[in-house]
């Protein structure tokens, strides 16, 4: 980050998103490599509310699939779905119309749905085409 100076907001968000993906992937690798704690007295330690504190292999696949989206679709997806920007704000950052953001987001969601189809349960609605 010290060596690269983004020229506009779009480049800044692209760089920040790349670094976030690197950090999340590094965190997932470190969590996978940690040794499980041993020698616990069951009566003294409360049971965890959930064991979902680690990134699962499916979660890593999802992050990888997001990272492999085409650049335009990945930018729109990260701004709207990861950073929770409105589509209007994302359009301003990207310098495109709101319709273009919607189109890129829908295309990205379709690609993710195709790549991760085996993770979808029967109860979930499909992404509209």
C-alpha atoms as a PDB file:
ATOM      1  CA  UNK A   1       0.000   0.000   0.000  1.00  0.00           C
ATOM      2  CA  UNK A   2       2.916   2.349   0.617  1.00  0.00           C
ATOM      3  CA  UNK A   3       4.343   1.800  -2.841  1.00  0.00           C
ATOM      4  CA  UNK A   4       1.110   1.944  -4.836  1.00  0.00           C
ATOM      5  CA  UNK A   5      -0.885   5.166  -4.988  1.00  0.00           C
ATOM      6  CA  UNK A   6      -4.365   4.707  -6.459  1.00  0.00           C
ATOM      7  CA  UNK A   7      -5.285   7.479  -8.880  1.00  0.00           C
ATOM      8  CA  UNK A   8      -9.010   7.296  -8.192  1.00  0.00           C
ATOM      9  CA  UNK A   9     -11.592   5.815  -5.845  1.00  0.00           C
ATOM     10  CA  UNK A  10     -12.158   2.797  -8.081  1.00  0.00           C
ATOM     11  CA  UNK A  11      -8.469   1.835  -7.960  1.00  0.00           C
ATOM     12  CA  UNK A  12      -8.441   2.342  -4.191  1.00  0.00           C
ATOM     13  CA  UNK A  13     -11.369  -0.050  -3.675  1.00  0.00           C
ATOM     14  CA  UNK A  14      -9.836  -2.599  -6.049  1.00  0.00           C
ATOM     15  CA  UNK A  15      -6.562  -2.502  -4.107  1.00  0.00           C
ATOM     16  CA  UNK A  16      -8.306  -2.620  -0.729  1.00  0.00           C
ATOM     17  CA  UNK A  17     -10.462  -5.566  -1.843  1.00  0.00           C
ATOM     18  CA  UNK A  18      -7.414  -7.484  -3.053  1.00  0.00           C
ATOM     19  CA  UNK A  19      -5.695  -6.968   0.291  1.00  0.00           C
ATOM     20  CA  UNK A  20      -8.839  -8.065   2.158  1.00  0.00           C
ATOM     21  CA  UNK A  21      -8.958 -11.300   0.114  1.00  0.00           C
ATOM     22  CA  UNK A  22      -5.279 -11.925   0.884  1.00  0.00           C
ATOM     23  CA  UNK A  23      -5.854 -11.335   4.602  1.00  0.00           C
ATOM     24  CA  UNK A  24      -8.943 -13.577   4.710  1.00  0.00           C
ATOM     25  CA  UNK A  25      -7.152 -16.373   2.865  1.00  0.00           C
ATOM     26  CA  UNK A  26      -4.150 -16.042   5.193  1.00  0.00           C
ATOM     27  CA  UNK A  27      -6.440 -16.139   8.226  1.00  0.00           C
ATOM     28  CA  UNK A  28      -8.178 -19.253   6.893  1.00  0.00           C
ATOM     29  CA  UNK A  29      -4.821 -20.975   6.341  1.00  0.00           C
ATOM     30  CA  UNK A  30      -3.605 -20.077   9.848  1.00  0.00           C
ATOM     31  CA  UNK A  31      -6.843 -21.289  11.439  1.00  0.00           C
ATOM     32  CA  UNK A  32      -6.572 -24.589   9.570  1.00  0.00           C
ATOM     33  CA  UNK A  33      -3.007 -25.079  10.784  1.00  0.00           C
ATOM     34  CA  UNK A  34      -3.732 -24.392  14.466  1.00  0.00           C
ATOM     35  CA  UNK A  35      -3.563 -27.347  16.766  1.00  0.00           C
ATOM     36  CA  UNK A  36      -6.702 -28.162  18.678  1.00  0.00           C
ATOM     37  CA  UNK A  37      -6.561 -27.474  22.418  1.00  0.00           C
ATOM     38  CA  UNK A  38      -6.226 -30.562  24.587  1.00  0.00           C
ATOM     39  CA  UNK A  39      -6.459 -31.433  28.270  1.00  0.00           C
ATOM     40  CA  UNK A  40      -9.714 -29.622  28.978  1.00  0.00           C
ATOM     41  CA  UNK A  41     -11.864 -30.454  31.921  1.00  0.00           C
ATOM     42  CA  UNK A  42     -15.314 -30.708  30.401  1.00  0.00           C
ATOM     43  CA  UNK A  43     -17.083 -29.566  33.590  1.00  0.00           C
ATOM     44  CA  UNK A  44     -15.110 -26.318  33.846  1.00  0.00           C
ATOM     45  CA  UNK A  45     -15.421 -25.131  30.256  1.00  0.00           C
ATOM     46  CA  UNK A  46     -18.813 -24.020  28.911  1.00  0.00           C
ATOM     47  CA  UNK A  47     -19.788 -25.453  25.563  1.00  0.00           C
ATOM     48  CA  UNK A  48     -19.420 -22.980  22.699  1.00  0.00           C
ATOM     49  CA  UNK A  49     -22.628 -21.573  21.284  1.00  0.00           C
ATOM     50  CA  UNK A  50     -21.499 -22.475  17.795  1.00  0.00           C
ATOM     51  CA  UNK A  51     -18.561 -24.200  16.164  1.00  0.00           C
ATOM     52  CA  UNK A  52     -18.829 -21.940  13.113  1.00  0.00           C
ATOM     53  CA  UNK A  53     -15.946 -19.716  14.218  1.00  0.00           C
ATOM     54  CA  UNK A  54     -13.576 -21.181  11.635  1.00  0.00           C
ATOM     55  CA  UNK A  55     -13.769 -20.679   7.912  1.00  0.00           C
ATOM     56  CA  UNK A  56     -14.981 -23.938   6.427  1.00  0.00           C
ATOM     57  CA  UNK A  57     -13.690 -25.486   3.214  1.00  0.00           C
ATOM     58  CA  UNK A  58     -16.948 -24.322   1.590  1.00  0.00           C
ATOM     59  CA  UNK A  59     -16.295 -20.799   2.868  1.00  0.00           C
ATOM     60  CA  UNK A  60     -12.798 -20.864   1.361  1.00  0.00           C
ATOM     61  CA  UNK A  61     -14.302 -22.079  -1.937  1.00  0.00           C
ATOM     62  CA  UNK A  62     -16.727 -19.163  -1.879  1.00  0.00           C
ATOM     63  CA  UNK A  63     -13.930 -16.650  -1.277  1.00  0.00           C
ATOM     64  CA  UNK A  64     -11.896 -18.196  -4.068  1.00  0.00           C
ATOM     65  CA  UNK A  65     -14.870 -18.138  -6.454  1.00  0.00           C
ATOM     66  CA  UNK A  66     -15.465 -14.449  -5.675  1.00  0.00           C
ATOM     67  CA  UNK A  67     -11.790 -13.732  -6.293  1.00  0.00           C
ATOM     68  CA  UNK A  68     -11.941 -15.520  -9.660  1.00  0.00           C
ATOM     69  CA  UNK A  69     -14.880 -13.509 -11.005  1.00  0.00           C
ATOM     70  CA  UNK A  70     -14.103 -11.294 -14.006  1.00  0.00           C
ATOM     71  CA  UNK A  71     -12.799  -7.903 -12.821  1.00  0.00           C
ATOM     72  CA  UNK A  72     -15.927  -5.869 -13.550  1.00  0.00           C
ATOM     73  CA  UNK A  73     -18.282  -8.364 -11.912  1.00  0.00           C
ATOM     74  CA  UNK A  74     -15.941  -8.787  -8.918  1.00  0.00           C
ATOM     75  CA  UNK A  75     -15.785  -5.001  -8.395  1.00  0.00           C
ATOM     76  CA  UNK A  76     -19.566  -4.667  -8.463  1.00  0.00           C
ATOM     77  CA  UNK A  77     -20.028  -7.707  -6.195  1.00  0.00           C
ATOM     78  CA  UNK A  78     -17.478  -6.532  -3.635  1.00  0.00           C
ATOM     79  CA  UNK A  79     -18.848  -2.998  -3.458  1.00  0.00           C
ATOM     80  CA  UNK A  80     -22.516  -4.007  -3.191  1.00  0.00           C
ATOM     81  CA  UNK A  81     -22.428  -7.382  -1.415  1.00  0.00           C
ATOM     82  CA  UNK A  82     -19.217  -7.201   0.642  1.00  0.00           C
ATOM     83  CA  UNK A  83     -18.966  -3.491   1.467  1.00  0.00           C
ATOM     84  CA  UNK A  84     -22.772  -3.030   1.558  1.00  0.00           C
ATOM     85  CA  UNK A  85     -22.696   0.031  -0.699  1.00  0.00           C
ATOM     86  CA  UNK A  86     -25.904   0.963  -2.445  1.00  0.00           C
ATOM     87  CA  UNK A  87     -25.963   0.323  -6.166  1.00  0.00           C
ATOM     88  CA  UNK A  88     -26.138   4.080  -6.714  1.00  0.00           C
ATOM     89  CA  UNK A  89     -22.980   4.660  -4.642  1.00  0.00           C
ATOM     90  CA  UNK A  90     -21.205   1.766  -6.363  1.00  0.00           C
ATOM     91  CA  UNK A  91     -22.116   3.239  -9.745  1.00  0.00           C
ATOM     92  CA  UNK A  92     -20.553   6.544  -8.710  1.00  0.00           C
ATOM     93  CA  UNK A  93     -17.356   4.841  -7.516  1.00  0.00           C
ATOM     94  CA  UNK A  94     -17.088   2.798 -10.706  1.00  0.00           C
ATOM     95  CA  UNK A  95     -18.049   5.689 -12.970  1.00  0.00           C
ATOM     96  CA  UNK A  96     -20.866   3.742 -14.644  1.00  0.00           C
ATOM     97  CA  UNK A  97     -24.665   3.815 -14.592  1.00  0.00           C
ATOM     98  CA  UNK A  98     -26.755   2.063 -11.944  1.00  0.00           C
ATOM     99  CA  UNK A  99     -28.107  -0.260 -14.662  1.00  0.00           C
ATOM    100  CA  UNK A 100     -24.528  -1.316 -15.483  1.00  0.00           C
ATOM    101  CA  UNK A 101     -23.857  -2.073 -11.793  1.00  0.00           C
ATOM    102  CA  UNK A 102     -27.052  -4.178 -11.642  1.00  0.00           C
ATOM    103  CA  UNK A 103     -26.074  -6.033 -14.817  1.00  0.00           C
ATOM    104  CA  UNK A 104     -22.538  -6.755 -13.539  1.00  0.00           C
ATOM    105  CA  UNK A 105     -23.852  -7.817 -10.138  1.00  0.00           C
ATOM    106  CA  UNK A 106     -26.424 -10.177 -11.677  1.00  0.00           C
ATOM    107  CA  UNK A 107     -23.817 -11.664 -14.022  1.00  0.00           C
ATOM    108  CA  UNK A 108     -21.441 -12.178 -11.077  1.00  0.00           C
ATOM    109  CA  UNK A 109     -24.175 -13.828  -9.018  1.00  0.00           C
ATOM    110  CA  UNK A 110     -25.021 -16.157 -11.914  1.00  0.00           C
ATOM    111  CA  UNK A 111     -21.351 -17.133 -12.269  1.00  0.00           C
ATOM    112  CA  UNK A 112     -21.051 -17.770  -8.530  1.00  0.00           C
ATOM    113  CA  UNK A 113     -24.272 -19.807  -8.563  1.00  0.00           C
ATOM    114  CA  UNK A 114     -22.910 -21.956 -11.396  1.00  0.00           C
ATOM    115  CA  UNK A 115     -19.484 -22.464  -9.793  1.00  0.00           C
ATOM    116  CA  UNK A 116     -20.919 -23.218  -6.360  1.00  0.00           C
ATOM    117  CA  UNK A 117     -24.052 -25.099  -7.457  1.00  0.00           C
ATOM    118  CA  UNK A 118     -23.198 -28.125  -5.335  1.00  0.00           C
ATOM    119  CA  UNK A 119     -23.438 -25.976  -2.168  1.00  0.00           C
ATOM    120  CA  UNK A 120     -27.003 -24.836  -2.852  1.00  0.00           C
ATOM    121  CA  UNK A 121     -29.730 -26.543  -0.861  1.00  0.00           C
ATOM    122  CA  UNK A 122     -33.120 -27.361  -2.368  1.00  0.00           C
ATOM    123  CA  UNK A 123     -34.874 -24.779  -0.171  1.00  0.00           C
ATOM    124  CA  UNK A 124     -32.905 -21.833  -1.597  1.00  0.00           C
ATOM    125  CA  UNK A 125     -34.395 -19.964  -4.558  1.00  0.00           C
ATOM    126  CA  UNK A 126     -32.285 -19.802  -7.676  1.00  0.00           C
ATOM    127  CA  UNK A 127     -30.797 -16.558  -8.952  1.00  0.00           C
ATOM    128  CA  UNK A 128     -32.977 -15.075 -11.700  1.00  0.00           C
ATOM    129  CA  UNK A 129     -31.465 -15.095 -15.177  1.00  0.00           C
END
